[in-house]
Amino acid sequence: MGRDMSETFREYLQSLPEDLLESVTEDYVWLAGLTLEPGHHGTDFRQRRECCREECARRGAPQLYQFAESIVSPAA
């Protein structure tokens, strides 16, 4: 059976050092805020942004996500 894409992405996030997790989180906060087609948002990007938020929280470093959110998309 195939693996769940979000499970694979979560494992990837767990493997990252903190500085790279911060960069990846910034990327997905930004991507999740894009409108790719009129009236449509990138659902996959929003799911990955949520995975990043959860990984930051799991590590006891929610400030990484909060920082990414504050510099990339203050209204995210």
Protein backbone atom coordinates (compact mmCIF):
# COMPACT_ATOMS: atom_id res chain seq x y z
CA MET A 1 0.00 0.00 0.00
CA GLY A 2 1.09 3.55 -0.64
CA ARG A 3 2.06 5.85 2.16
CA ASP A 4 0.00 8.85 3.11
CA MET A 5 1.65 11.97 1.68
CA SER A 6 1.17 13.94 4.92
CA GLU A 7 2.79 11.10 6.90
CA THR A 8 5.80 11.17 4.58
CA PHE A 9 6.00 14.96 4.88
CA ARG A 10 5.77 14.76 8.69
CA GLU A 11 8.66 12.29 8.75
CA TYR A 12 10.65 14.63 6.52
CA LEU A 13 10.00 17.53 8.91
CA GLN A 14 11.07 15.43 11.88
CA SER A 15 14.41 14.76 10.18
CA LEU A 16 15.23 18.46 9.73
CA PRO A 17 17.50 20.47 12.00
CA GLU A 18 15.75 23.44 13.60
CA ASP A 19 17.16 26.10 11.26
CA LEU A 20 15.99 24.21 8.18
CA LEU A 21 12.58 23.54 9.76
CA GLU A 22 12.26 27.30 10.22
CA SER A 23 13.02 27.91 6.52
CA VAL A 24 10.65 25.19 5.31
CA THR A 25 7.94 26.55 7.60
CA GLU A 26 8.38 30.05 6.16
CA ASP A 27 8.04 28.60 2.66
CA TYR A 28 4.79 26.78 3.42
CA VAL A 29 3.28 29.69 5.32
CA TRP A 30 3.94 31.80 2.21
CA LEU A 31 2.72 29.14 -0.25
CA ALA A 32 -0.46 28.51 1.75
CA GLY A 33 -1.33 32.18 1.40
CA LEU A 34 -1.15 32.18 -2.40
CA THR A 35 -4.18 32.10 -4.63
CA LEU A 36 -3.14 29.84 -7.48
CA GLU A 37 -6.28 30.19 -9.58
CA PRO A 38 -9.03 32.76 -9.18
CA GLY A 39 -10.99 31.70 -6.12
CA HIS A 40 -8.81 28.68 -5.26
CA HIS A 41 -6.13 28.23 -2.61
CA GLY A 42 -3.48 25.53 -2.55
CA THR A 43 -5.05 22.99 -0.20
CA ASP A 44 -1.89 20.86 -0.20
CA PHE A 45 0.13 23.90 0.86
CA ARG A 46 -2.27 24.62 3.71
CA GLN A 47 -2.04 21.00 4.88
CA ARG A 48 1.75 21.16 4.79
CA ARG A 49 1.69 24.49 6.63
CA GLU A 50 -0.33 22.76 9.35
CA CYS A 51 2.21 19.91 9.45
CA CYS A 52 4.95 22.51 9.95
CA ARG A 53 2.98 24.13 12.79
CA GLU A 54 2.49 20.74 14.43
CA GLU A 55 6.18 19.83 14.12
CA CYS A 56 7.25 23.12 15.66
CA ALA A 57 4.83 22.49 18.55
CA ARG A 58 6.00 18.87 18.90
CA ARG A 59 9.56 20.10 19.32
CA GLY A 60 8.46 22.59 21.97
CA ALA A 61 9.37 25.48 19.65
CA PRO A 62 6.07 27.09 18.58
CA GLN A 63 7.97 30.35 18.21
CA LEU A 64 9.48 29.01 14.96
CA TYR A 65 6.03 28.85 13.40
CA GLN A 66 4.96 32.15 14.95
CA PHE A 67 8.07 33.85 13.59
CA ALA A 68 7.48 32.46 10.10
CA GLU A 69 3.88 33.59 10.23
CA SER A 70 4.82 37.09 11.39
CA ILE A 71 7.41 37.73 8.67
CA VAL A 72 5.71 35.99 5.76
CA SER A 73 2.02 36.51 6.23
CA PRO A 74 0.91 38.65 9.17
CA ALA A 75 -2.71 37.79 8.37
CA ALA A 76 -2.14 34.00 8.02
